[in-house]
Amino acid sequence: MSCEEDDARLSHGAPPKSGWRRFVDIVVDFLDGLEFLVWAARLVWSPIRWLFGLLRHVID
């Protein structure tokens, strides 16, 4: 099956999503975004915490 046939089949054969399905998709997208924000905050906070711990040891 060619790529054009796949595109045509997917664009014409997909039924519209019901209301609850759209709601679930929105909630899942929101939770994915929240998970990314937590990951980014940890990525930024870890080196900052390490640096302040190092400075505290140097000062003491």
PDB file of N, CA and C in Angstrom:
ATOM      1  N   MET A   1       0.846  -1.171   0.000  1.00  0.00           N
ATOM      2  CA  MET A   1       0.000   0.000   0.000  1.00  0.00           C
ATOM      3  C   MET A   1       0.896   1.240   0.000  1.00  0.00           C
ATOM      4  N   SER A   2       0.593   2.167  -0.860  1.00  0.00           N
ATOM      5  CA  SER A   2       1.437   3.353  -0.970  1.00  0.00           C
ATOM      6  C   SER A   2       1.077   4.387   0.095  1.00  0.00           C
ATOM      7  N   CYS A   3       1.910   5.368   0.181  1.00  0.00           N
ATOM      8  CA  CYS A   3       1.718   6.430   1.167  1.00  0.00           C
ATOM      9  C   CYS A   3       0.449   7.233   0.855  1.00  0.00           C
ATOM     10  N   GLU A   4       0.187   7.475  -0.432  1.00  0.00           N
ATOM     11  CA  GLU A   4      -1.010   8.227  -0.813  1.00  0.00           C
ATOM     12  C   GLU A   4      -2.273   7.465  -0.433  1.00  0.00           C
ATOM     13  N   GLU A   5      -2.250   6.142  -0.608  1.00  0.00           N
ATOM     14  CA  GLU A   5      -3.413   5.338  -0.235  1.00  0.00           C
ATOM     15  C   GLU A   5      -3.636   5.380   1.273  1.00  0.00           C
ATOM     16  N   ASP A   6      -2.561   5.340   2.046  1.00  0.00           N
ATOM     17  CA  ASP A   6      -2.685   5.432   3.502  1.00  0.00           C
ATOM     18  C   ASP A   6      -3.294   6.769   3.910  1.00  0.00           C
ATOM     19  N   ASP A   7      -2.806   7.857   3.300  1.00  0.00           N
ATOM     20  CA  ASP A   7      -3.324   9.180   3.633  1.00  0.00           C
ATOM     21  C   ASP A   7      -4.804   9.298   3.289  1.00  0.00           C
ATOM     22  N   ALA A   8      -5.190   8.789   2.121  1.00  0.00           N
ATOM     23  CA  ALA A   8      -6.588   8.865   1.709  1.00  0.00           C
ATOM     24  C   ALA A   8      -7.471   8.028   2.628  1.00  0.00           C
ATOM     25  N   ARG A   9      -7.004   6.858   3.011  1.00  0.00           N
ATOM     26  CA  ARG A   9      -7.793   5.986   3.880  1.00  0.00           C
ATOM     27  C   ARG A   9      -7.965   6.614   5.265  1.00  0.00           C
ATOM     28  N   LEU A  10      -6.900   7.199   5.776  1.00  0.00           N
ATOM     29  CA  LEU A  10      -6.972   7.788   7.107  1.00  0.00           C
ATOM     30  C   LEU A  10      -7.818   9.057   7.131  1.00  0.00           C
ATOM     31  N   SER A  11      -7.737   9.862   6.080  1.00  0.00           N
ATOM     32  CA  SER A  11      -8.479  11.121   6.088  1.00  0.00           C
ATOM     33  C   SER A  11      -9.970  10.905   5.870  1.00  0.00           C
ATOM     34  N   HIS A  12     -10.365   9.889   5.119  1.00  0.00           N
ATOM     35  CA  HIS A  12     -11.786   9.674   4.848  1.00  0.00           C
ATOM     36  C   HIS A  12     -12.405   8.651   5.784  1.00  0.00           C
ATOM     37  N   GLY A  13     -11.612   7.768   6.359  1.00  0.00           N
ATOM     38  CA  GLY A  13     -12.176   6.686   7.149  1.00  0.00           C
ATOM     39  C   GLY A  13     -12.254   6.958   8.638  1.00  0.00           C
ATOM     40  N   ALA A  14     -11.682   8.049   9.118  1.00  0.00           N
ATOM     41  CA  ALA A  14     -11.674   8.311  10.555  1.00  0.00           C
ATOM     42  C   ALA A  14     -12.996   8.948  10.976  1.00  0.00           C
ATOM     43  N   PRO A  15     -13.710   8.314  11.895  1.00  0.00           N
ATOM     44  CA  PRO A  15     -14.965   8.905  12.362  1.00  0.00           C
ATOM     45  C   PRO A  15     -14.674  10.091  13.285  1.00  0.00           C
ATOM     46  N   PRO A  16     -15.596  11.033  13.361  1.00  0.00           N
ATOM     47  CA  PRO A  16     -15.381  12.161  14.273  1.00  0.00           C
ATOM     48  C   PRO A  16     -15.388  11.689  15.725  1.00  0.00           C
ATOM     49  N   LYS A  17     -14.619  12.355  16.560  1.00  0.00           N
ATOM     50  CA  LYS A  17     -14.527  11.955  17.962  1.00  0.00           C
ATOM     51  C   LYS A  17     -15.755  12.437  18.722  1.00  0.00           C
ATOM     52  N   SER A  18     -16.194  11.611  19.659  1.00  0.00           N
ATOM     53  CA  SER A  18     -17.324  12.004  20.494  1.00  0.00           C
ATOM     54  C   SER A  18     -16.858  13.005  21.545  1.00  0.00           C
ATOM     55  N   GLY A  19     -17.802  13.592  22.262  1.00  0.00           N
ATOM     56  CA  GLY A  19     -17.477  14.617  23.246  1.00  0.00           C
ATOM     57  C   GLY A  19     -16.591  14.114  24.363  1.00  0.00           C
ATOM     58  N   TRP A  20     -16.893  12.920  24.887  1.00  0.00           N
ATOM     59  CA  TRP A  20     -16.086  12.407  26.003  1.00  0.00           C
ATOM     60  C   TRP A  20     -14.692  12.055  25.542  1.00  0.00           C
ATOM     61  N   ARG A  21     -14.565  11.614  24.293  1.00  0.00           N
ATOM     62  CA  ARG A  21     -13.245  11.258  23.769  1.00  0.00           C
ATOM     63  C   ARG A  21     -12.379  12.511  23.607  1.00  0.00           C
ATOM     64  N   ARG A  22     -13.002  13.599  23.150  1.00  0.00           N
ATOM     65  CA  ARG A  22     -12.271  14.863  23.046  1.00  0.00           C
ATOM     66  C   ARG A  22     -11.845  15.350  24.425  1.00  0.00           C
ATOM     67  N   PHE A  23     -12.740  15.199  25.422  1.00  0.00           N
ATOM     68  CA  PHE A  23     -12.428  15.602  26.795  1.00  0.00           C
ATOM     69  C   PHE A  23     -11.242  14.802  27.332  1.00  0.00           C
ATOM     70  N   VAL A  24     -11.238  13.496  27.089  1.00  0.00           N
ATOM     71  CA  VAL A  24     -10.131  12.646  27.541  1.00  0.00           C
ATOM     72  C   VAL A  24      -8.834  13.068  26.862  1.00  0.00           C
ATOM     73  N   ASP A  25      -8.884  13.376  25.576  1.00  0.00           N
ATOM     74  CA  ASP A  25      -7.685  13.833  24.861  1.00  0.00           C
ATOM     75  C   ASP A  25      -7.143  15.130  25.453  1.00  0.00           C
ATOM     76  N   ILE A  26      -8.040  16.051  25.809  1.00  0.00           N
ATOM     77  CA  ILE A  26      -7.618  17.322  26.402  1.00  0.00           C
ATOM     78  C   ILE A  26      -6.971  17.092  27.755  1.00  0.00           C
ATOM     79  N   VAL A  27      -7.575  16.223  28.576  1.00  0.00           N
ATOM     80  CA  VAL A  27      -7.018  15.931  29.903  1.00  0.00           C
ATOM     81  C   VAL A  27      -5.647  15.274  29.775  1.00  0.00           C
ATOM     82  N   VAL A  28      -5.509  14.336  28.857  1.00  0.00           N
ATOM     83  CA  VAL A  28      -4.224  13.653  28.665  1.00  0.00           C
ATOM     84  C   VAL A  28      -3.163  14.642  28.183  1.00  0.00           C
ATOM     85  N   ASP A  29      -3.519  15.529  27.262  1.00  0.00           N
ATOM     86  CA  ASP A  29      -2.567  16.547  26.801  1.00  0.00           C
ATOM     87  C   ASP A  29      -2.154  17.467  27.945  1.00  0.00           C
ATOM     88  N   PHE A  30      -3.121  17.837  28.799  1.00  0.00           N
ATOM     89  CA  PHE A  30      -2.813  18.691  29.951  1.00  0.00           C
ATOM     90  C   PHE A  30      -1.849  17.994  30.903  1.00  0.00           C
ATOM     91  N   LEU A  31      -2.095  16.717  31.188  1.00  0.00           N
ATOM     92  CA  LEU A  31      -1.221  15.978  32.095  1.00  0.00           C
ATOM     93  C   LEU A  31       0.170  15.785  31.499  1.00  0.00           C
ATOM     94  N   ASP A  32       0.252  15.579  30.191  1.00  0.00           N
ATOM     95  CA  ASP A  32       1.564  15.485  29.533  1.00  0.00           C
ATOM     96  C   ASP A  32       2.332  16.796  29.672  1.00  0.00           C
ATOM     97  N   GLY A  33       1.637  17.913  29.493  1.00  0.00           N
ATOM     98  CA  GLY A  33       2.275  19.211  29.658  1.00  0.00           C
ATOM     99  C   GLY A  33       2.736  19.437  31.086  1.00  0.00           C
ATOM    100  N   LEU A  34       1.913  19.007  32.038  1.00  0.00           N
ATOM    101  CA  LEU A  34       2.270  19.136  33.450  1.00  0.00           C
ATOM    102  C   LEU A  34       3.493  18.293  33.778  1.00  0.00           C
ATOM    103  N   GLU A  35       3.535  17.090  33.226  1.00  0.00           N
ATOM    104  CA  GLU A  35       4.689  16.213  33.444  1.00  0.00           C
ATOM    105  C   GLU A  35       5.959  16.853  32.881  1.00  0.00           C
ATOM    106  N   PHE A  36       5.853  17.490  31.725  1.00  0.00           N
ATOM    107  CA  PHE A  36       7.008  18.159  31.134  1.00  0.00           C
ATOM    108  C   PHE A  36       7.475  19.317  32.013  1.00  0.00           C
ATOM    109  N   LEU A  37       6.521  20.090  32.568  1.00  0.00           N
ATOM    110  CA  LEU A  37       6.902  21.210  33.426  1.00  0.00           C
ATOM    111  C   LEU A  37       7.614  20.730  34.682  1.00  0.00           C
ATOM    112  N   VAL A  38       7.153  19.632  35.265  1.00  0.00           N
ATOM    113  CA  VAL A  38       7.813  19.074  36.450  1.00  0.00           C
ATOM    114  C   VAL A  38       9.220  18.614  36.088  1.00  0.00           C
ATOM    115  N   TRP A  39       9.356  17.953  34.953  1.00  0.00           N
ATOM    116  CA  TRP A  39      10.673  17.489  34.504  1.00  0.00           C
ATOM    117  C   TRP A  39      11.614  18.678  34.286  1.00  0.00           C
ATOM    118  N   ALA A  40      11.116  19.742  33.639  1.00  0.00           N
ATOM    119  CA  ALA A  40      11.951  20.915  33.376  1.00  0.00           C
ATOM    120  C   ALA A  40      12.344  21.609  34.679  1.00  0.00           C
ATOM    121  N   ALA A  41      11.419  21.684  35.626  1.00  0.00           N
ATOM    122  CA  ALA A  41      11.733  22.315  36.913  1.00  0.00           C
ATOM    123  C   ALA A  41      12.806  21.527  37.650  1.00  0.00           C
ATOM    124  N   ARG A  42      12.717  20.211  37.618  1.00  0.00           N
ATOM    125  CA  ARG A  42      13.749  19.386  38.264  1.00  0.00           C
ATOM    126  C   ARG A  42      15.097  19.561  37.570  1.00  0.00           C
ATOM    127  N   LEU A  43      15.067  19.645  36.262  1.00  0.00           N
ATOM    128  CA  LEU A  43      16.306  19.810  35.504  1.00  0.00           C
ATOM    129  C   LEU A  43      16.991  21.128  35.856  1.00  0.00           C
ATOM    130  N   VAL A  44      16.211  22.173  36.046  1.00  0.00           N
ATOM    131  CA  VAL A  44      16.777  23.480  36.383  1.00  0.00           C
ATOM    132  C   VAL A  44      17.154  23.540  37.860  1.00  0.00           C
ATOM    133  N   TRP A  45      16.316  22.972  38.736  1.00  0.00           N
ATOM    134  CA  TRP A  45      16.524  23.114  40.172  1.00  0.00           C
ATOM    135  C   TRP A  45      17.699  22.284  40.686  1.00  0.00           C
ATOM    136  N   SER A  46      17.940  21.124  40.123  1.00  0.00           N
ATOM    137  CA  SER A  46      19.003  20.243  40.631  1.00  0.00           C
ATOM    138  C   SER A  46      20.386  20.898  40.607  1.00  0.00           C
ATOM    139  N   PRO A  47      20.834  21.489  39.507  1.00  0.00           N
ATOM    140  CA  PRO A  47      22.158  22.136  39.531  1.00  0.00           C
ATOM    141  C   PRO A  47      22.209  23.336  40.477  1.00  0.00           C
ATOM    142  N   ILE A  48      21.093  24.066  40.599  1.00  0.00           N
ATOM    143  CA  ILE A  48      21.067  25.218  41.510  1.00  0.00           C
ATOM    144  C   ILE A  48      21.229  24.741  42.946  1.00  0.00           C
ATOM    145  N   ARG A  49      20.510  23.686  43.322  1.00  0.00           N
ATOM    146  CA  ARG A  49      20.612  23.147  44.676  1.00  0.00           C
ATOM    147  C   ARG A  49      22.021  22.615  44.934  1.00  0.00           C
ATOM    148  N   TRP A  50      22.604  21.955  43.951  1.00  0.00           N
ATOM    149  CA  TRP A  50      23.960  21.425  44.091  1.00  0.00           C
ATOM    150  C   TRP A  50      24.963  22.564  44.284  1.00  0.00           C
ATOM    151  N   LEU A  51      24.797  23.644  43.507  1.00  0.00           N
ATOM    152  CA  LEU A  51      25.706  24.782  43.598  1.00  0.00           C
ATOM    153  C   LEU A  51      25.619  25.458  44.966  1.00  0.00           C
ATOM    154  N   PHE A  52      24.416  25.660  45.480  1.00  0.00           N
ATOM    155  CA  PHE A  52      24.281  26.272  46.799  1.00  0.00           C
ATOM    156  C   PHE A  52      24.816  25.362  47.899  1.00  0.00           C
ATOM    157  N   GLY A  53      24.651  24.053  47.747  1.00  0.00           N
ATOM    158  CA  GLY A  53      25.241  23.124  48.710  1.00  0.00           C
ATOM    159  C   GLY A  53      26.756  23.199  48.697  1.00  0.00           C
ATOM    160  N   LEU A  54      27.325  23.304  47.518  1.00  0.00           N
ATOM    161  CA  LEU A  54      28.777  23.435  47.387  1.00  0.00           C
ATOM    162  C   LEU A  54      29.267  24.743  48.004  1.00  0.00           C
ATOM    163  N   LEU A  55      28.563  25.832  47.752  1.00  0.00           N
ATOM    164  CA  LEU A  55      28.938  27.119  48.331  1.00  0.00           C
ATOM    165  C   LEU A  55      28.847  27.090  49.855  1.00  0.00           C
ATOM    166  N   ARG A  56      27.845  26.411  50.390  1.00  0.00           N
ATOM    167  CA  ARG A  56      27.707  26.321  51.841  1.00  0.00           C
ATOM    168  C   ARG A  56      28.886  25.571  52.450  1.00  0.00           C
ATOM    169  N   HIS A  57      29.326  24.510  51.783  1.00  0.00           N
ATOM    170  CA  HIS A  57      30.497  23.761  52.267  1.00  0.00           C
ATOM    171  C   HIS A  57      31.762  24.610  52.193  1.00  0.00           C
ATOM    172  N   VAL A  58      31.905  25.397  51.144  1.00  0.00           N
ATOM    173  CA  VAL A  58      33.090  26.239  50.990  1.00  0.00           C
ATOM    174  C   VAL A  58      33.103  27.337  52.055  1.00  0.00           C
ATOM    175  N   ILE A  59      31.949  27.932  52.318  1.00  0.00           N
ATOM    176  CA  ILE A  59      31.869  29.019  53.298  1.00  0.00           C
ATOM    177  C   ILE A  59      32.078  28.491  54.715  1.00  0.00           C
ATOM    178  N   ASP A  60      31.506  27.319  55.018  1.00  0.00           N
ATOM    179  CA  ASP A  60      31.673  26.743  56.364  1.00  0.00           C
ATOM    180  C   ASP A  60      33.090  26.282  56.503  1.00  0.00           C
TER     181      ASP A  60
END
